[in-house]
């Protein structure tokens, strides 16, 4: 450190005034604490209970205000209904717990970036040569980082890193919102499939139950062996058993959808939920046109997020490299004695010890190169996922349109024929029982094939990334 002192003009304040000035500077540097958050159990209960209407979704939806996202975010929901996908997407965007954390993280980093690269603490030093009499002699030094004031060197690197961190957090938010959209749609498909299977099994049970009085009468009269009657009733109970399992699946899948959307499982929207998400799917309207690798790299939110992670790793490397710059401090030096008051500039330079930062720079370079390798590998897997999704869709299309329905129709004809034969010959009951047991499986396979085709289409859409018509 070096400093130049000059004698004060007549009338300059003495040591007590300098000491008072130093104490005033310290007091002015203190910051007031932010107000404490008052957490009320009643307010928490009221907030959790407020998610009951479409209007609440409209008020809670804030994702569109965070920045440029490569996916369409519903902003007007006054006319949406629970049988529309946009309602569930908007609910998830508004209230999904993980997405809310990521949304808050973007805001946190955006606010923190306002302080990035700003000058550090003002370095002050006060010396009292005679503590018993502060008025005898006092020395005060205050310095500030000059490079940070002009915004170069480590200060500029810190600002660039803060901006890269904010963009990376926004990329993670976009990627999670994109995957969440399809998680919600898959949950809707699975819930609709469970409801459809419950309805189909209910119709099968109601139709077959009509034979129970005839079976009981023929058994009582000895025209049907007890074992044959027990087998038939067991097959009928199996229908009821599978229907009960479907009801349990409905309850479980409804909770999973509610968790994804941040809703209560008793939300009134579930009362209006139907199986239309499967019934409205038209495979003849689907066109499987794969995007190019360049388009995939540009649009797929997962890859976009990884590119921003790579940019953040590069910014971290540059920040570590610029920490080699010296810290140049500049400020006043005041020396006050009973008969003199001296004022002059003070210069301080902090230079990193040679080689002390080499390890951190090398580690940051490894992180940067690792981020590049991860992006390269993710692009390869994205292409593979897209190819596999197209093949799966083509196979599930055959299952839905040919194999599953044809098998179910054949077994349904067998069941009807066995029923007609049983009405004539009681000994045909065993054939009816076997056909009924097979019909349970083929009916479930038809519902599963229809749901799997929609799921395969969702996998294809997610693997493609947002299309131009979907982007805002």
Protein backbone atom coordinates (compact mmCIF):
# COMPACT_ATOMS: atom_id res chain seq x y z
CA UNK A 1 0.00 0.00 0.00
CA UNK A 2 1.12 3.54 -0.60
CA UNK A 3 -0.40 6.90 0.26
CA UNK A 4 0.26 10.63 -0.02
CA UNK A 5 -0.65 12.95 2.84
CA UNK A 6 -1.12 16.69 2.80
CA UNK A 7 -1.70 19.15 5.55
CA UNK A 8 -5.26 20.40 5.99
CA UNK A 9 -6.39 23.90 5.49
CA UNK A 10 -7.03 25.97 8.61
CA UNK A 11 -10.22 25.03 10.37
CA UNK A 12 -10.01 21.31 9.50
CA UNK A 13 -11.72 18.98 12.03
CA UNK A 14 -9.51 17.19 14.48
CA UNK A 15 -9.31 13.54 15.64
CA UNK A 16 -12.67 13.47 17.41
CA UNK A 17 -14.40 14.63 14.25
CA UNK A 18 -12.58 11.99 12.19
CA UNK A 19 -13.59 9.32 14.68
CA UNK A 20 -17.21 10.45 14.53
CA UNK A 21 -17.03 10.35 10.72
CA UNK A 22 -15.70 6.79 10.81
CA UNK A 23 -18.46 5.65 13.14
CA UNK A 24 -21.06 7.35 10.96
CA UNK A 25 -19.68 5.51 7.90
CA UNK A 26 -19.98 2.18 9.69
CA UNK A 27 -23.53 2.93 10.76
CA UNK A 28 -24.55 3.97 7.26
CA UNK A 29 -23.18 0.71 5.87
CA UNK A 30 -25.50 -1.40 8.00
CA UNK A 31 -28.55 -2.71 6.17
CA UNK A 32 -32.00 -3.17 7.60
CA UNK A 33 -33.26 -6.75 7.70
CA UNK A 34 -36.23 -7.69 5.50
CA UNK A 35 -39.56 -8.20 7.16
CA UNK A 36 -40.15 -11.68 8.52
CA UNK A 37 -42.70 -13.89 6.80
CA UNK A 38 -45.68 -14.46 9.04
CA UNK A 39 -46.87 -18.02 8.39
CA UNK A 40 -50.46 -18.63 9.38
CA UNK A 41 -51.96 -22.11 9.35
CA UNK A 42 -55.30 -20.60 8.39
CA UNK A 43 -53.82 -18.78 5.39
CA UNK A 44 -52.07 -21.97 4.24
CA UNK A 45 -55.32 -23.92 4.46
CA UNK A 46 -57.17 -21.21 2.56
CA UNK A 47 -54.48 -21.10 -0.17
CA UNK A 48 -54.54 -24.88 -0.57
CA UNK A 49 -58.33 -24.85 -0.78
CA UNK A 50 -58.47 -22.08 -3.38
CA UNK A 51 -57.55 -24.31 -6.32
CA UNK A 52 -61.10 -25.21 -7.14
CA UNK A 53 -62.05 -23.44 -10.36
CA UNK A 54 -60.78 -22.49 -13.79
CA UNK A 55 -60.68 -18.87 -12.68
CA UNK A 56 -58.20 -19.85 -9.96
CA UNK A 57 -55.98 -21.40 -12.62
CA UNK A 58 -56.11 -18.17 -14.59
CA UNK A 59 -55.00 -16.15 -11.58
CA UNK A 60 -52.23 -18.56 -10.63
CA UNK A 61 -50.74 -19.00 -14.11
CA UNK A 62 -47.50 -17.00 -14.26
CA UNK A 63 -45.23 -19.15 -16.38
CA UNK A 64 -45.70 -17.06 -19.51
CA UNK A 65 -44.26 -13.98 -17.80
CA UNK A 66 -40.85 -15.46 -17.00
CA UNK A 67 -39.23 -15.21 -20.41
CA UNK A 68 -39.03 -16.71 -23.91
CA UNK A 69 -40.11 -20.35 -23.62
CA UNK A 70 -40.29 -22.63 -26.63
CA UNK A 71 -43.71 -23.99 -25.76
CA UNK A 72 -47.17 -22.55 -25.80
CA UNK A 73 -48.50 -21.58 -22.40
CA UNK A 74 -52.27 -21.08 -22.05
CA UNK A 75 -53.00 -17.57 -20.84
CA UNK A 76 -56.79 -17.38 -21.13
CA UNK A 77 -58.73 -20.21 -19.53
CA UNK A 78 -62.17 -18.76 -19.04
CA UNK A 79 -63.67 -21.09 -21.64
CA UNK A 80 -61.63 -24.21 -20.87
CA UNK A 81 -63.24 -27.35 -19.51
CA UNK A 82 -61.77 -30.33 -17.66
CA UNK A 83 -62.25 -32.52 -20.74
CA UNK A 84 -59.71 -30.34 -22.58
CA UNK A 85 -55.97 -30.93 -22.32
CA UNK A 86 -55.22 -27.22 -21.92
CA UNK A 87 -57.01 -27.10 -18.59
CA UNK A 88 -54.77 -29.81 -17.12
CA UNK A 89 -51.64 -28.36 -18.72
CA UNK A 90 -52.37 -24.94 -17.27
CA UNK A 91 -53.07 -26.41 -13.84
CA UNK A 92 -49.75 -28.23 -13.91
CA UNK A 93 -47.89 -25.14 -15.12
CA UNK A 94 -49.43 -23.15 -12.29
CA UNK A 95 -49.24 -25.55 -9.36
CA UNK A 96 -46.92 -28.48 -10.03
CA UNK A 97 -44.60 -28.42 -6.97
CA UNK A 98 -41.38 -29.08 -8.88
CA UNK A 99 -42.20 -26.50 -11.53
CA UNK A 100 -42.96 -23.91 -8.86
CA UNK A 101 -39.50 -24.53 -7.36
CA UNK A 102 -37.84 -24.06 -10.75
CA UNK A 103 -39.93 -20.96 -11.45
CA UNK A 104 -38.88 -19.48 -8.11
CA UNK A 105 -35.27 -20.40 -8.89
CA UNK A 106 -35.38 -18.36 -12.11
CA UNK A 107 -36.67 -15.36 -10.21
CA UNK A 108 -34.10 -15.85 -7.48
CA UNK A 109 -31.19 -15.89 -9.94
CA UNK A 110 -32.66 -12.97 -11.87
CA UNK A 111 -32.73 -10.89 -8.69
CA UNK A 112 -29.29 -12.09 -7.61
CA UNK A 113 -27.82 -11.08 -10.98
CA UNK A 114 -28.49 -7.45 -10.06
CA UNK A 115 -25.67 -7.71 -7.53
CA UNK A 116 -23.30 -9.70 -9.73
CA UNK A 117 -20.04 -7.94 -10.51
CA UNK A 118 -20.74 -5.06 -8.16
CA UNK A 119 -17.82 -3.79 -6.05
CA UNK A 120 -17.12 -5.75 -2.92
CA UNK A 121 -17.04 -4.34 0.60
CA UNK A 122 -15.33 -1.03 1.15
CA UNK A 123 -12.11 -1.98 2.89
CA UNK A 124 -11.69 0.24 5.93
CA UNK A 125 -8.99 0.32 8.57
CA UNK A 126 -8.88 2.52 11.68
CA UNK A 127 -5.93 2.75 14.06
CA UNK A 128 -5.88 4.48 17.45
CA UNK A 129 -2.32 4.93 18.63
CA UNK A 130 -3.50 5.79 22.13
CA UNK A 131 -6.78 3.98 22.94
CA UNK A 132 -7.10 5.83 26.24
CA UNK A 133 -7.28 9.15 24.40
CA UNK A 134 -8.78 8.80 20.86
CA UNK A 135 -8.23 12.52 20.30
CA UNK A 136 -4.44 12.18 20.35
CA UNK A 137 -3.94 10.35 17.05
CA UNK A 138 -6.26 8.54 14.63
CA UNK A 139 -5.60 6.96 11.22
CA UNK A 140 -8.45 5.98 8.89
CA UNK A 141 -8.12 4.16 5.54
CA UNK A 142 -10.96 3.27 3.12
CA UNK A 143 -10.53 1.60 -0.28
CA UNK A 144 -12.82 0.21 -2.99
CA UNK A 145 -12.11 -2.15 -5.89
CA UNK A 146 -11.50 0.05 -8.94
CA UNK A 147 -11.87 -2.73 -11.54
CA UNK A 148 -15.29 -3.59 -10.16
CA UNK A 149 -16.31 0.07 -10.34
CA UNK A 150 -15.53 0.25 -14.05
CA UNK A 151 -16.93 -3.26 -14.69
CA UNK A 152 -13.96 -5.08 -16.17
CA UNK A 153 -12.01 -8.22 -15.35
CA UNK A 154 -13.52 -10.43 -12.63
CA UNK A 155 -16.48 -8.07 -12.33
CA UNK A 156 -17.47 -8.54 -15.97
CA UNK A 157 -16.95 -12.31 -15.65
CA UNK A 158 -19.23 -12.39 -12.61
CA UNK A 159 -21.98 -10.57 -14.52
CA UNK A 160 -21.64 -12.93 -17.48
CA UNK A 161 -21.79 -15.94 -15.17
CA UNK A 162 -24.89 -14.61 -13.40
CA UNK A 163 -26.62 -14.08 -16.73
CA UNK A 164 -25.63 -17.59 -17.87
CA UNK A 165 -26.94 -19.09 -14.63
CA UNK A 166 -30.27 -17.32 -15.10
CA UNK A 167 -30.57 -18.54 -18.68
CA UNK A 168 -29.65 -22.07 -17.62
CA UNK A 169 -32.32 -22.02 -14.92
CA UNK A 170 -34.86 -20.80 -17.47
CA UNK A 171 -33.79 -23.65 -19.76
CA UNK A 172 -34.33 -26.17 -16.95
CA UNK A 173 -37.75 -24.65 -16.34
CA UNK A 174 -38.66 -24.95 -20.02
CA UNK A 175 -37.45 -28.56 -20.20
CA UNK A 176 -39.39 -29.52 -17.10
CA UNK A 177 -42.53 -27.77 -18.32
CA UNK A 178 -42.26 -29.62 -21.65
CA UNK A 179 -41.84 -33.04 -20.03
CA UNK A 180 -44.52 -32.22 -17.45
CA UNK A 181 -47.02 -31.55 -20.24
CA UNK A 182 -46.60 -35.11 -21.49
CA UNK A 183 -46.56 -36.61 -18.01
CA UNK A 184 -49.95 -34.98 -17.48
CA UNK A 185 -51.24 -36.28 -20.82
CA UNK A 186 -50.01 -39.80 -20.06
CA UNK A 187 -51.71 -39.67 -16.68
CA UNK A 188 -54.91 -38.53 -18.40
CA UNK A 189 -54.67 -41.41 -20.88
CA UNK A 190 -54.08 -43.99 -18.14
CA UNK A 191 -56.98 -42.60 -16.10
CA UNK A 192 -59.25 -42.62 -19.13
CA UNK A 193 -58.20 -46.22 -19.91
CA UNK A 194 -59.01 -47.34 -16.38
CA UNK A 195 -62.41 -45.67 -16.56
CA UNK A 196 -63.07 -47.22 -19.98
CA UNK A 197 -62.13 -50.70 -18.73
CA UNK A 198 -64.34 -50.27 -15.66
CA UNK A 199 -67.28 -49.35 -17.89
CA UNK A 200 -66.64 -52.21 -20.34
CA UNK A 201 -66.35 -54.79 -17.58
CA UNK A 202 -69.48 -53.40 -15.99
CA UNK A 203 -71.39 -53.95 -19.21
CA UNK A 204 -69.99 -57.47 -19.56
CA UNK A 205 -70.96 -58.33 -15.99
CA UNK A 206 -74.49 -56.94 -16.39
CA UNK A 207 -74.97 -59.00 -19.55
CA UNK A 208 -73.62 -62.26 -18.11
CA UNK A 209 -75.33 -61.86 -14.74
CA UNK A 210 -78.65 -62.59 -16.41
CA UNK A 211 -77.68 -66.27 -16.63
CA UNK A 212 -77.21 -66.69 -12.87
CA UNK A 213 -80.86 -67.60 -12.08
CA UNK A 214 -80.88 -70.23 -14.83
CA UNK A 215 -77.57 -71.69 -13.60
CA UNK A 216 -78.87 -71.89 -10.02
CA UNK A 217 -82.15 -73.55 -11.04
CA UNK A 218 -80.44 -76.11 -13.27
CA UNK A 219 -77.95 -76.88 -10.51
CA UNK A 220 -80.70 -77.39 -7.94
CA UNK A 221 -82.48 -79.80 -10.27
CA UNK A 222 -79.30 -81.76 -10.90
CA UNK A 223 -79.06 -80.96 -14.60
CA UNK A 224 -75.69 -79.26 -14.03
CA UNK A 225 -72.88 -80.72 -11.92
CA UNK A 226 -71.92 -78.56 -8.89
CA UNK A 227 -68.35 -78.24 -10.19
CA UNK A 228 -69.53 -76.92 -13.54
CA UNK A 229 -71.80 -74.41 -11.80
CA UNK A 230 -68.99 -73.30 -9.48
CA UNK A 231 -66.68 -72.77 -12.47
CA UNK A 232 -69.27 -70.57 -14.20
CA UNK A 233 -69.88 -68.46 -11.08
CA UNK A 234 -66.14 -68.14 -10.55
CA UNK A 235 -65.74 -66.78 -14.07
CA UNK A 236 -68.50 -64.29 -13.37
CA UNK A 237 -66.86 -63.30 -10.09
CA UNK A 238 -63.62 -62.78 -11.99
CA UNK A 239 -65.37 -60.15 -14.11
CA UNK A 240 -66.50 -58.40 -10.95
CA UNK A 241 -63.01 -58.76 -9.49
CA UNK A 242 -61.37 -57.15 -12.51
CA UNK A 243 -63.94 -54.36 -12.45
CA UNK A 244 -63.08 -53.68 -8.82
CA UNK A 245 -59.39 -53.61 -9.73
CA UNK A 246 -60.21 -51.08 -12.45
CA UNK A 247 -62.01 -48.91 -9.87
CA UNK A 248 -58.93 -49.07 -7.66
CA UNK A 249 -56.78 -48.06 -10.64
CA UNK A 250 -59.10 -45.12 -11.27
CA UNK A 251 -58.61 -43.92 -7.69
CA UNK A 252 -54.82 -44.35 -7.85
CA UNK A 253 -54.43 -42.73 -11.27
CA UNK A 254 -56.69 -39.87 -10.28
CA UNK A 255 -54.37 -39.16 -7.36
CA UNK A 256 -51.31 -39.30 -9.65
CA UNK A 257 -52.89 -36.80 -12.05
CA UNK A 258 -53.89 -34.59 -9.13
CA UNK A 259 -50.31 -34.64 -7.81
CA UNK A 260 -48.88 -33.66 -11.19
CA UNK A 261 -51.32 -30.77 -11.50
CA UNK A 262 -51.01 -29.68 -7.88
CA UNK A 263 -54.73 -30.22 -7.31
CA UNK A 264 -56.70 -31.89 -4.58
CA UNK A 265 -57.96 -35.31 -5.57
CA UNK A 266 -61.44 -34.06 -4.67
CA UNK A 267 -61.21 -31.21 -7.20
CA UNK A 268 -64.54 -30.83 -9.07
CA UNK A 269 -62.70 -31.17 -12.38
CA UNK A 270 -62.38 -34.91 -11.76
CA UNK A 271 -66.16 -35.22 -11.65
CA UNK A 272 -66.27 -34.11 -15.28
CA UNK A 273 -63.33 -36.25 -16.41
CA UNK A 274 -64.26 -38.83 -19.05
CA UNK A 275 -62.51 -41.25 -21.39
CA UNK A 276 -62.73 -38.87 -24.34
CA UNK A 277 -58.96 -38.37 -24.36
CA UNK A 278 -58.73 -41.85 -25.94
CA UNK A 279 -61.98 -41.84 -27.92
CA UNK A 280 -61.13 -38.59 -29.73
CA UNK A 281 -57.75 -39.81 -30.98
CA UNK A 282 -57.77 -40.32 -34.76
CA UNK A 283 -54.64 -42.12 -36.03
CA UNK A 284 -55.55 -41.37 -39.65
CA UNK A 285 -54.95 -37.68 -38.89
CA UNK A 286 -51.41 -38.33 -37.61
CA UNK A 287 -48.43 -37.52 -39.80
CA UNK A 288 -45.06 -38.81 -38.61
CA UNK A 289 -42.58 -36.34 -40.07
CA UNK A 290 -39.36 -36.40 -38.09
CA UNK A 291 -37.49 -33.12 -37.62
CA UNK A 292 -33.88 -32.81 -38.76
CA UNK A 293 -31.04 -33.13 -36.28
CA UNK A 294 -30.44 -29.37 -36.51
CA UNK A 295 -34.11 -28.64 -35.77
CA UNK A 296 -34.05 -31.12 -32.90
CA UNK A 297 -31.01 -29.43 -31.39
CA UNK A 298 -32.69 -26.05 -31.73
CA UNK A 299 -36.19 -26.90 -30.49
CA UNK A 300 -36.05 -29.84 -28.08
CA UNK A 301 -36.22 -28.26 -24.60
CA UNK A 302 -33.99 -30.93 -23.06
CA UNK A 303 -31.20 -30.15 -25.53
CA UNK A 304 -31.77 -26.40 -25.27
CA UNK A 305 -31.34 -26.67 -21.51
CA UNK A 306 -28.11 -28.63 -21.94
CA UNK A 307 -26.77 -26.01 -24.36
CA UNK A 308 -27.43 -23.37 -21.72
CA UNK A 309 -25.72 -25.57 -19.13
CA UNK A 310 -22.69 -25.68 -21.45
CA UNK A 311 -22.76 -21.89 -21.76
CA UNK A 312 -22.90 -21.61 -17.97
CA UNK A 313 -19.90 -23.97 -17.64
CA UNK A 314 -18.01 -21.79 -20.12
CA UNK A 315 -18.88 -18.69 -18.09
CA UNK A 316 -17.63 -20.43 -14.94
CA UNK A 317 -14.33 -21.19 -16.66
CA UNK A 318 -13.93 -17.57 -17.75
CA UNK A 319 -14.75 -16.38 -14.25
CA UNK A 320 -12.07 -18.63 -12.76
CA UNK A 321 -9.54 -17.46 -15.36
CA UNK A 322 -10.22 -13.78 -14.66
CA UNK A 323 -9.67 -14.31 -10.95
CA UNK A 324 -5.97 -14.07 -11.88
CA UNK A 325 -6.46 -10.35 -12.36
CA UNK A 326 -5.19 -8.25 -9.43
CA UNK A 327 -7.58 -6.44 -7.13
CA UNK A 328 -6.79 -2.74 -7.26
CA UNK A 329 -8.08 -0.77 -4.29
CA UNK A 330 -8.24 3.01 -4.24
CA UNK A 331 -9.50 5.38 -1.55
CA UNK A 332 -8.64 8.07 1.00
CA UNK A 333 -6.23 7.92 3.92
CA UNK A 334 -6.83 10.24 6.84
CA UNK A 335 -4.38 10.83 9.70
CA UNK A 336 -5.54 13.08 12.53
CA UNK A 337 -3.28 14.31 15.35
CA UNK A 338 -3.74 17.06 17.92
CA UNK A 339 -1.89 19.58 15.79
CA UNK A 340 -2.24 18.12 12.30
CA UNK A 341 -4.85 16.68 9.96
CA UNK A 342 -3.44 14.92 6.88
CA UNK A 343 -5.47 13.71 3.87
CA UNK A 344 -4.24 11.78 0.84
CA UNK A 345 -4.98 8.94 -1.59
CA UNK A 346 -4.36 5.29 -0.79
CA UNK A 347 -3.62 2.55 -3.33
CA UNK A 348 -3.69 -1.17 -2.61
CA UNK A 349 -3.03 -4.10 -4.95
CA UNK A 350 -3.84 -7.74 -4.16
CA UNK A 351 -2.15 -10.15 -6.57
CA UNK A 352 -2.99 -13.89 -6.50
CA UNK A 353 -0.04 -16.06 -5.62
CA UNK A 354 1.44 -17.57 -8.83
CA UNK A 355 -0.14 -20.92 -9.64
CA UNK A 356 -2.66 -20.80 -6.79
CA UNK A 357 -5.64 -20.73 -9.18
CA UNK A 358 -4.37 -23.23 -11.76
CA UNK A 359 -6.20 -26.16 -10.17
CA UNK A 360 -9.54 -24.34 -10.06
CA UNK A 361 -9.17 -23.25 -13.69
CA UNK A 362 -8.32 -26.78 -14.79
CA UNK A 363 -11.31 -28.16 -12.86
CA UNK A 364 -13.61 -25.60 -14.50
CA UNK A 365 -12.25 -26.58 -17.91
CA UNK A 366 -13.05 -30.23 -17.18
CA UNK A 367 -16.60 -29.27 -16.19
CA UNK A 368 -16.98 -27.31 -19.43
CA UNK A 369 -15.69 -30.18 -21.56
CA UNK A 370 -17.90 -32.62 -19.65
CA UNK A 371 -20.95 -30.46 -20.36
CA UNK A 372 -20.11 -30.57 -24.06
CA UNK A 373 -19.81 -34.35 -24.00
CA UNK A 374 -23.15 -34.66 -22.22
CA UNK A 375 -24.80 -32.47 -24.86
CA UNK A 376 -23.29 -34.56 -27.66
CA UNK A 377 -24.48 -37.80 -26.06
CA UNK A 378 -27.94 -36.39 -25.39
CA UNK A 379 -28.29 -35.44 -29.06
CA UNK A 380 -27.48 -39.02 -30.12
CA UNK A 381 -30.01 -40.41 -27.63
CA UNK A 382 -32.62 -37.90 -28.77
CA UNK A 383 -32.31 -39.15 -32.34
CA UNK A 384 -32.53 -42.76 -31.17
CA UNK A 385 -35.56 -41.98 -29.03
CA UNK A 386 -37.28 -40.39 -32.01
CA UNK A 387 -36.62 -43.41 -34.24
CA UNK A 388 -37.77 -45.84 -31.56
CA UNK A 389 -40.91 -43.80 -30.90
CA UNK A 390 -41.91 -44.01 -34.56
CA UNK A 391 -41.42 -47.79 -34.62
CA UNK A 392 -43.39 -48.26 -31.41
CA UNK A 393 -46.23 -46.18 -32.84
CA UNK A 394 -46.37 -48.28 -35.99
CA UNK A 395 -46.51 -51.52 -33.98
CA UNK A 396 -49.14 -50.25 -31.54
CA UNK A 397 -51.23 -49.07 -34.49
CA UNK A 398 -51.38 -52.68 -35.71
CA UNK A 399 -52.29 -53.87 -32.23
CA UNK A 400 -55.11 -51.36 -31.90
CA UNK A 401 -56.58 -51.66 -35.39
CA UNK A 402 -56.06 -55.34 -36.16
CA UNK A 403 -54.80 -57.79 -33.54
CA UNK A 404 -56.57 -56.71 -30.35
CA UNK A 405 -60.04 -55.94 -31.80
CA UNK A 406 -60.07 -59.02 -34.02
CA UNK A 407 -59.17 -61.28 -31.10
CA UNK A 408 -61.84 -59.65 -28.95
CA UNK A 409 -64.46 -60.01 -31.69
CA UNK A 410 -63.62 -63.70 -32.08
CA UNK A 411 -63.88 -64.36 -28.36
CA UNK A 412 -67.09 -62.31 -28.16
CA UNK A 413 -68.60 -64.50 -30.89
CA UNK A 414 -67.45 -67.59 -28.97
CA UNK A 415 -69.11 -66.27 -25.81
CA UNK A 416 -72.38 -65.51 -27.61
CA UNK A 417 -72.37 -68.91 -29.31
CA UNK A 418 -71.69 -70.69 -26.03
CA UNK A 419 -74.52 -68.77 -24.40
CA UNK A 420 -76.93 -69.76 -27.17
CA UNK A 421 -75.84 -73.38 -26.86
CA UNK A 422 -76.26 -73.26 -23.07
CA UNK A 423 -79.83 -72.05 -23.47
CA UNK A 424 -80.48 -75.29 -25.37
CA UNK A 425 -78.05 -77.70 -23.72
CA UNK A 426 -77.10 -77.15 -20.02
CA UNK A 427 -73.89 -79.14 -20.56
CA UNK A 428 -72.52 -76.27 -22.68
CA UNK A 429 -72.09 -74.16 -19.53
CA UNK A 430 -68.43 -75.14 -19.21
CA UNK A 431 -67.72 -73.80 -22.70
CA UNK A 432 -69.45 -70.54 -21.76
CA UNK A 433 -67.31 -70.26 -18.62
CA UNK A 434 -64.07 -70.63 -20.59
CA UNK A 435 -65.19 -68.10 -23.18
CA UNK A 436 -66.12 -65.63 -20.44
CA UNK A 437 -62.68 -65.96 -18.82
CA UNK A 438 -61.03 -65.31 -22.18
CA UNK A 439 -63.31 -62.33 -22.87
CA UNK A 440 -62.07 -60.61 -19.74
CA UNK A 441 -58.52 -60.63 -21.07
CA UNK A 442 -59.37 -59.70 -24.66
CA UNK A 443 -61.56 -56.82 -23.48
CA UNK A 444 -58.71 -55.51 -21.33
CA UNK A 445 -56.32 -55.94 -24.27
CA UNK A 446 -58.55 -53.81 -26.51
CA UNK A 447 -58.62 -50.99 -23.96
CA UNK A 448 -54.87 -51.33 -23.40
CA UNK A 449 -54.12 -51.26 -27.14
CA UNK A 450 -56.18 -48.09 -27.61
CA UNK A 451 -54.42 -46.40 -24.70
CA UNK A 452 -50.96 -47.57 -25.82
CA UNK A 453 -51.47 -46.05 -29.25
CA UNK A 454 -52.18 -42.65 -27.74
CA UNK A 455 -49.20 -43.07 -25.41
CA UNK A 456 -46.98 -43.93 -28.38
CA UNK A 457 -48.17 -40.78 -30.15
CA UNK A 458 -47.36 -38.72 -27.06
CA UNK A 459 -43.88 -40.26 -26.92
CA UNK A 460 -43.38 -39.28 -30.56
CA UNK A 461 -44.53 -35.72 -29.96
CA UNK A 462 -42.30 -35.32 -26.91
CA UNK A 463 -39.30 -36.71 -28.77
CA UNK A 464 -39.85 -34.24 -31.65
CA UNK A 465 -39.95 -31.18 -29.44
CA UNK A 466 -42.23 -28.19 -29.95
CA UNK A 467 -43.29 -27.70 -33.55
CA UNK A 468 -43.45 -24.28 -35.15
CA UNK A 469 -47.24 -24.17 -34.95
CA UNK A 470 -47.04 -24.86 -31.21
CA UNK A 471 -44.50 -22.17 -30.44
CA UNK A 472 -45.62 -18.73 -29.30
